[in-house]
PDB file of all heavy atoms in Angstrom:
ATOM      1  N   THR A   1      -3.096   5.032  -2.137  1.00  0.00           N
ATOM      2  CA  THR A   1      -2.961   3.559  -2.454  1.00  0.00           C
ATOM      3  C   THR A   1      -3.764   2.701  -1.667  1.00  0.00           C
ATOM      4  O   THR A   1      -4.244   1.763  -2.197  1.00  0.00           O
ATOM      5  CB  THR A   1      -1.409   3.306  -2.099  1.00  0.00           C
ATOM      6  OG1 THR A   1      -0.508   4.109  -2.747  1.00  0.00           O
ATOM      7  CG2 THR A   1      -1.083   1.786  -2.510  1.00  0.00           C
ATOM      8  N   PHE A   2      -4.212   3.088  -0.412  1.00  0.00           N
ATOM      9  CA  PHE A   2      -5.166   2.291   0.252  1.00  0.00           C
ATOM     10  C   PHE A   2      -6.478   2.133  -0.576  1.00  0.00           C
ATOM     11  O   PHE A   2      -6.906   1.093  -0.832  1.00  0.00           O
ATOM     12  CB  PHE A   2      -5.552   3.056   1.643  1.00  0.00           C
ATOM     13  CG  PHE A   2      -4.506   2.887   2.646  1.00  0.00           C
ATOM     14  CD1 PHE A   2      -4.584   3.606   3.747  1.00  0.00           C
ATOM     15  CD2 PHE A   2      -3.408   2.133   2.553  1.00  0.00           C
ATOM     16  CE1 PHE A   2      -3.617   3.591   4.793  1.00  0.00           C
ATOM     17  CE2 PHE A   2      -2.436   2.003   3.468  1.00  0.00           C
ATOM     18  CZ  PHE A   2      -2.655   2.703   4.608  1.00  0.00           C
ATOM     19  N   ASN A   3      -7.062   3.288  -0.961  1.00  0.00           N
ATOM     20  CA  ASN A   3      -8.195   3.213  -1.834  1.00  0.00           C
ATOM     21  C   ASN A   3      -8.071   2.472  -3.051  1.00  0.00           C
ATOM     22  O   ASN A   3      -8.850   1.810  -3.685  1.00  0.00           O
ATOM     23  CB  ASN A   3      -8.770   4.551  -1.984  1.00  0.00           C
ATOM     24  CG  ASN A   3      -9.264   5.273  -0.784  1.00  0.00           C
ATOM     25  OD1 ASN A   3      -9.790   4.544   0.104  1.00  0.00           O
ATOM     26  ND2 ASN A   3      -9.185   6.625  -0.710  1.00  0.00           N
ATOM     27  N   ALA A   4      -6.880   2.856  -3.791  1.00  0.00           N
ATOM     28  CA  ALA A   4      -6.603   2.179  -5.128  1.00  0.00           C
ATOM     29  C   ALA A   4      -6.559   0.663  -5.088  1.00  0.00           C
ATOM     30  O   ALA A   4      -6.833  -0.010  -6.003  1.00  0.00           O
ATOM     31  CB  ALA A   4      -5.430   2.850  -5.769  1.00  0.00           C
ATOM     32  N   GLN A   5      -6.030   0.144  -4.035  1.00  0.00           N
ATOM     33  CA  GLN A   5      -5.660  -1.312  -3.883  1.00  0.00           C
ATOM     34  C   GLN A   5      -6.703  -1.955  -3.117  1.00  0.00           C
ATOM     35  O   GLN A   5      -6.645  -3.272  -3.048  1.00  0.00           O
ATOM     36  CB  GLN A   5      -4.381  -1.347  -3.184  1.00  0.00           C
ATOM     37  CG  GLN A   5      -3.214  -1.029  -3.872  1.00  0.00           C
ATOM     38  CD  GLN A   5      -2.857  -1.928  -5.089  1.00  0.00           C
ATOM     39  OE1 GLN A   5      -3.114  -3.149  -5.116  1.00  0.00           O
ATOM     40  NE2 GLN A   5      -2.637  -1.267  -6.161  1.00  0.00           N
ATOM     41  N   LEU A   6      -7.813  -1.364  -2.727  1.00  0.00           N
ATOM     42  CA  LEU A   6      -8.766  -2.064  -2.021  1.00  0.00           C
ATOM     43  C   LEU A   6      -9.556  -3.152  -2.836  1.00  0.00           C
ATOM     44  O   LEU A   6      -9.882  -4.173  -2.342  1.00  0.00           O
ATOM     45  CB  LEU A   6      -9.894  -1.181  -1.470  1.00  0.00           C
ATOM     46  CG  LEU A   6      -9.619  -0.472  -0.117  1.00  0.00           C
ATOM     47  CD1 LEU A   6     -10.585   0.652   0.195  1.00  0.00           C
ATOM     48  CD2 LEU A   6      -9.512  -1.425   0.900  1.00  0.00           C
ATOM     49  N   PRO A   7      -9.556  -2.871  -4.211  1.00  0.00           N
ATOM     50  CA  PRO A   7     -10.309  -3.953  -5.018  1.00  0.00           C
ATOM     51  C   PRO A   7      -9.398  -5.268  -5.062  1.00  0.00           C
ATOM     52  O   PRO A   7      -9.905  -6.234  -5.499  1.00  0.00           O
ATOM     53  CB  PRO A   7     -10.408  -3.268  -6.446  1.00  0.00           C
ATOM     54  CG  PRO A   7     -10.378  -1.890  -6.160  1.00  0.00           C
ATOM     55  CD  PRO A   7      -9.365  -1.638  -4.924  1.00  0.00           C
ATOM     56  N   SER A   8      -8.109  -4.989  -4.837  1.00  0.00           N
ATOM     57  CA  SER A   8      -7.199  -6.316  -4.967  1.00  0.00           C
ATOM     58  C   SER A   8      -7.399  -7.201  -3.851  1.00  0.00           C
ATOM     59  O   SER A   8      -7.541  -6.870  -2.770  1.00  0.00           O
ATOM     60  CB  SER A   8      -5.730  -5.754  -5.009  1.00  0.00           C
ATOM     61  OG  SER A   8      -4.883  -6.831  -5.121  1.00  0.00           O
ATOM     62  N   LYS A   9      -7.279  -8.602  -4.277  1.00  0.00           N
ATOM     63  CA  LYS A   9      -7.338  -9.621  -3.273  1.00  0.00           C
ATOM     64  C   LYS A   9      -6.129  -9.591  -2.290  1.00  0.00           C
ATOM     65  O   LYS A   9      -6.249  -9.852  -1.247  1.00  0.00           O
ATOM     66  CB  LYS A   9      -7.579 -10.962  -3.814  1.00  0.00           C
ATOM     67  CG  LYS A   9      -8.877 -11.067  -4.573  1.00  0.00           C
ATOM     68  CD  LYS A   9      -9.137 -12.546  -5.203  1.00  0.00           C
ATOM     69  CE  LYS A   9     -10.515 -12.590  -5.790  1.00  0.00           C
ATOM     70  NZ  LYS A   9     -10.682 -14.014  -6.529  1.00  0.00           N
ATOM     71  N   ASN A  10      -4.941  -9.271  -2.957  1.00  0.00           N
ATOM     72  CA  ASN A  10      -3.698  -9.195  -2.140  1.00  0.00           C
ATOM     73  C   ASN A  10      -3.479  -7.675  -1.852  1.00  0.00           C
ATOM     74  O   ASN A  10      -2.494  -7.108  -2.268  1.00  0.00           O
ATOM     75  CB  ASN A  10      -2.588  -9.820  -3.025  1.00  0.00           C
ATOM     76  CG  ASN A  10      -2.715 -11.266  -3.406  1.00  0.00           C
ATOM     77  OD1 ASN A  10      -3.273 -12.025  -2.498  1.00  0.00           O
ATOM     78  ND2 ASN A  10      -2.414 -11.697  -4.494  1.00  0.00           N
ATOM     79  N   TRP A  11      -4.298  -7.168  -1.085  1.00  0.00           N
ATOM     80  CA  TRP A  11      -4.252  -5.752  -0.688  1.00  0.00           C
ATOM     81  C   TRP A  11      -2.851  -5.457   0.022  1.00  0.00           C
ATOM     82  O   TRP A  11      -2.350  -6.096   0.919  1.00  0.00           O
ATOM     83  CB  TRP A  11      -5.316  -5.386   0.256  1.00  0.00           C
ATOM     84  CG  TRP A  11      -5.478  -4.026   0.648  1.00  0.00           C
ATOM     85  CD1 TRP A  11      -5.608  -2.949  -0.355  1.00  0.00           C
ATOM     86  CD2 TRP A  11      -5.636  -3.453   1.914  1.00  0.00           C
ATOM     87  NE1 TRP A  11      -5.744  -1.802   0.365  1.00  0.00           N
ATOM     88  CE2 TRP A  11      -5.835  -2.144   1.803  1.00  0.00           C
ATOM     89  CE3 TRP A  11      -5.626  -3.977   3.206  1.00  0.00           C
ATOM     90  CZ2 TRP A  11      -5.997  -1.176   2.799  1.00  0.00           C
ATOM     91  CZ3 TRP A  11      -5.733  -3.111   4.269  1.00  0.00           C
ATOM     92  CH2 TRP A  11      -5.986  -1.636   3.994  1.00  0.00           C
ATOM     93  N   LEU A  12      -2.229  -4.279  -0.631  1.00  0.00           N
ATOM     94  CA  LEU A  12      -0.983  -3.753  -0.133  1.00  0.00           C
ATOM     95  C   LEU A  12       0.232  -4.688  -0.418  1.00  0.00           C
ATOM     96  O   LEU A  12       1.370  -4.223  -0.191  1.00  0.00           O
ATOM     97  CB  LEU A  12      -1.040  -3.515   1.482  1.00  0.00           C
ATOM     98  CG  LEU A  12      -2.247  -2.798   1.990  1.00  0.00           C
ATOM     99  CD1 LEU A  12      -2.018  -2.478   3.392  1.00  0.00           C
ATOM    100  CD2 LEU A  12      -2.265  -1.468   1.295  1.00  0.00           C
ATOM    101  N   LYS A  13       0.037  -5.971  -0.921  1.00  0.00           N
ATOM    102  CA  LYS A  13       1.182  -6.757  -1.128  1.00  0.00           C
ATOM    103  C   LYS A  13       1.975  -6.500  -2.529  1.00  0.00           C
ATOM    104  O   LYS A  13       2.961  -6.783  -2.649  1.00  0.00           O
ATOM    105  CB  LYS A  13       0.884  -8.211  -1.110  1.00  0.00           C
ATOM    106  CG  LYS A  13       0.638  -8.747   0.414  1.00  0.00           C
ATOM    107  CD  LYS A  13       0.466 -10.223   0.375  1.00  0.00           C
ATOM    108  CE  LYS A  13       0.357 -10.785   1.846  1.00  0.00           C
ATOM    109  NZ  LYS A  13       0.234 -12.293   1.874  1.00  0.00           N
ATOM    110  N   GLN A  14       1.072  -5.930  -3.388  1.00  0.00           N
ATOM    111  CA  GLN A  14       1.575  -5.721  -4.718  1.00  0.00           C
ATOM    112  C   GLN A  14       2.231  -4.300  -5.026  1.00  0.00           C
ATOM    113  O   GLN A  14       2.576  -4.050  -6.126  1.00  0.00           O
ATOM    114  CB  GLN A  14       0.609  -5.997  -5.753  1.00  0.00           C
ATOM    115  CG  GLN A  14      -0.098  -7.326  -5.684  1.00  0.00           C
ATOM    116  CD  GLN A  14      -1.213  -7.467  -6.579  1.00  0.00           C
ATOM    117  OE1 GLN A  14      -1.841  -6.637  -6.998  1.00  0.00           O
ATOM    118  NE2 GLN A  14      -1.617  -8.726  -6.770  1.00  0.00           N
ATOM    119  N   VAL A  15       2.364  -3.533  -3.937  1.00  0.00           N
ATOM    120  CA  VAL A  15       2.797  -2.096  -4.121  1.00  0.00           C
ATOM    121  C   VAL A  15       3.770  -1.790  -3.118  1.00  0.00           C
ATOM    122  O   VAL A  15       3.962  -2.486  -2.126  1.00  0.00           O
ATOM    123  CB  VAL A  15       1.604  -1.105  -3.933  1.00  0.00           C
ATOM    124  CG1 VAL A  15       0.639  -1.259  -5.031  1.00  0.00           C
ATOM    125  CG2 VAL A  15       0.904  -1.412  -2.559  1.00  0.00           C
ATOM    126  N   GLU A  16       4.587  -0.700  -3.352  1.00  0.00           N
ATOM    127  CA  GLU A  16       5.567  -0.186  -2.331  1.00  0.00           C
ATOM    128  C   GLU A  16       5.124   1.026  -1.735  1.00  0.00           C
ATOM    129  O   GLU A  16       4.991   2.032  -2.489  1.00  0.00           O
ATOM    130  CB  GLU A  16       6.853   0.029  -3.228  1.00  0.00           C
ATOM    131  CG  GLU A  16       7.747  -1.126  -3.353  1.00  0.00           C
ATOM    132  CD  GLU A  16       8.103  -1.924  -2.078  1.00  0.00           C
ATOM    133  OE1 GLU A  16       8.502  -1.187  -1.106  1.00  0.00           O
ATOM    134  OE2 GLU A  16       8.295  -3.036  -2.013  1.00  0.00           O
ATOM    135  N   LEU A  17       4.579   0.921  -0.511  1.00  0.00           N
ATOM    136  CA  LEU A  17       4.075   2.039   0.197  1.00  0.00           C
ATOM    137  C   LEU A  17       5.173   2.747   1.058  1.00  0.00           C
ATOM    138  O   LEU A  17       6.081   2.116   1.504  1.00  0.00           O
ATOM    139  CB  LEU A  17       2.971   1.538   1.213  1.00  0.00           C
ATOM    140  CG  LEU A  17       1.793   1.061   0.607  1.00  0.00           C
ATOM    141  CD1 LEU A  17       0.851   0.308   1.630  1.00  0.00           C
ATOM    142  CD2 LEU A  17       0.950   2.229  -0.059  1.00  0.00           C
ATOM    143  N   PRO A  18       5.122   4.157   1.082  1.00  0.00           N
ATOM    144  CA  PRO A  18       6.155   4.866   1.658  1.00  0.00           C
ATOM    145  C   PRO A  18       6.037   4.974   3.196  1.00  0.00           C
ATOM    146  O   PRO A  18       6.027   5.910   3.934  1.00  0.00           O
ATOM    147  CB  PRO A  18       5.954   6.275   1.100  1.00  0.00           C
ATOM    148  CG  PRO A  18       4.524   6.322   0.758  1.00  0.00           C
ATOM    149  CD  PRO A  18       4.023   5.014   0.300  1.00  0.00           C
ATOM    150  N   PHE A  19       5.809   3.715   3.879  1.00  0.00           N
ATOM    151  CA  PHE A  19       5.748   3.645   5.254  1.00  0.00           C
ATOM    152  C   PHE A  19       6.891   4.178   6.001  1.00  0.00           C
ATOM    153  O   PHE A  19       6.984   4.909   7.025  1.00  0.00           O
ATOM    154  CB  PHE A  19       5.450   2.190   5.692  1.00  0.00           C
ATOM    155  CG  PHE A  19       4.014   1.679   5.566  1.00  0.00           C
ATOM    156  CD1 PHE A  19       3.686   0.416   5.271  1.00  0.00           C
ATOM    157  CD2 PHE A  19       2.907   2.588   5.631  1.00  0.00           C
ATOM    158  CE1 PHE A  19       2.415  -0.032   5.209  1.00  0.00           C
ATOM    159  CE2 PHE A  19       1.624   2.197   5.555  1.00  0.00           C
ATOM    160  CZ  PHE A  19       1.391   0.909   5.100  1.00  0.00           C
ATOM    161  N   LEU A  20       8.133   3.698   5.375  1.00  0.00           N
ATOM    162  CA  LEU A  20       9.392   4.062   6.018  1.00  0.00           C
ATOM    163  C   LEU A  20       9.662   5.480   6.027  1.00  0.00           C
ATOM    164  O   LEU A  20      10.213   6.165   6.881  1.00  0.00           O
ATOM    165  CB  LEU A  20      10.429   3.254   5.371  1.00  0.00           C
ATOM    166  CG  LEU A  20      10.436   1.788   5.511  1.00  0.00           C
ATOM    167  CD1 LEU A  20      11.636   1.097   4.930  1.00  0.00           C
ATOM    168  CD2 LEU A  20      10.251   1.223   6.852  1.00  0.00           C
ATOM    169  N   GLU A  21       9.250   6.135   4.794  1.00  0.00           N
ATOM    170  CA  GLU A  21       9.449   7.558   4.609  1.00  0.00           C
ATOM    171  C   GLU A  21       8.637   8.248   5.529  1.00  0.00           C
ATOM    172  O   GLU A  21       9.085   9.423   6.061  1.00  0.00           O
ATOM    173  CB  GLU A  21       9.206   7.900   3.166  1.00  0.00           C
ATOM    174  CG  GLU A  21      10.122   7.417   2.169  1.00  0.00           C
ATOM    175  CD  GLU A  21      10.063   5.915   1.786  1.00  0.00           C
ATOM    176  OE1 GLU A  21       9.085   5.364   2.335  1.00  0.00           O
ATOM    177  OE2 GLU A  21      10.655   5.552   0.871  1.00  0.00           O
ATOM    178  N   PHE A  22       7.307   8.095   5.741  1.00  0.00           N
ATOM    179  CA  PHE A  22       6.499   8.596   6.582  1.00  0.00           C
ATOM    180  C   PHE A  22       6.913   8.535   7.962  1.00  0.00           C
ATOM    181  O   PHE A  22       6.842   9.439   8.790  1.00  0.00           O
ATOM    182  CB  PHE A  22       5.007   8.173   6.334  1.00  0.00           C
ATOM    183  CG  PHE A  22       4.033   8.849   7.335  1.00  0.00           C
ATOM    184  CD1 PHE A  22       3.678  10.206   7.092  1.00  0.00           C
ATOM    185  CD2 PHE A  22       3.411   8.101   8.260  1.00  0.00           C
ATOM    186  CE1 PHE A  22       2.788  10.787   7.915  1.00  0.00           C
ATOM    187  CE2 PHE A  22       2.472   8.800   9.163  1.00  0.00           C
ATOM    188  CZ  PHE A  22       2.094  10.088   9.027  1.00  0.00           C
ATOM    189  N   LEU A  23       7.164   7.403   8.486  1.00  0.00           N
ATOM    190  CA  LEU A  23       7.499   7.012   9.837  1.00  0.00           C
ATOM    191  C   LEU A  23       8.949   7.461  10.142  1.00  0.00           C
ATOM    192  O   LEU A  23       9.301   7.619  11.387  1.00  0.00           O
ATOM    193  CB  LEU A  23       7.212   5.589  10.210  1.00  0.00           C
ATOM    194  CG  LEU A  23       5.709   5.150  10.111  1.00  0.00           C
ATOM    195  CD1 LEU A  23       5.625   3.595  10.387  1.00  0.00           C
ATOM    196  CD2 LEU A  23       4.881   5.878  11.164  1.00  0.00           C
ATOM    197  N   GLY A  24       9.896   7.474   9.206  1.00  0.00           N
ATOM    198  CA  GLY A  24      11.194   7.707   9.430  1.00  0.00           C
ATOM    199  C   GLY A  24      11.846   6.617  10.220  1.00  0.00           C
ATOM    200  O   GLY A  24      12.707   6.721  11.020  1.00  0.00           O
TER     201      GLY A  24
END
């Protein structure tokens, strides 16, 4: 998702990243 969203101006704001799942 990092790579896929890099073109976006609102990087990381338009997606749900599994931060909570990875970090627990």
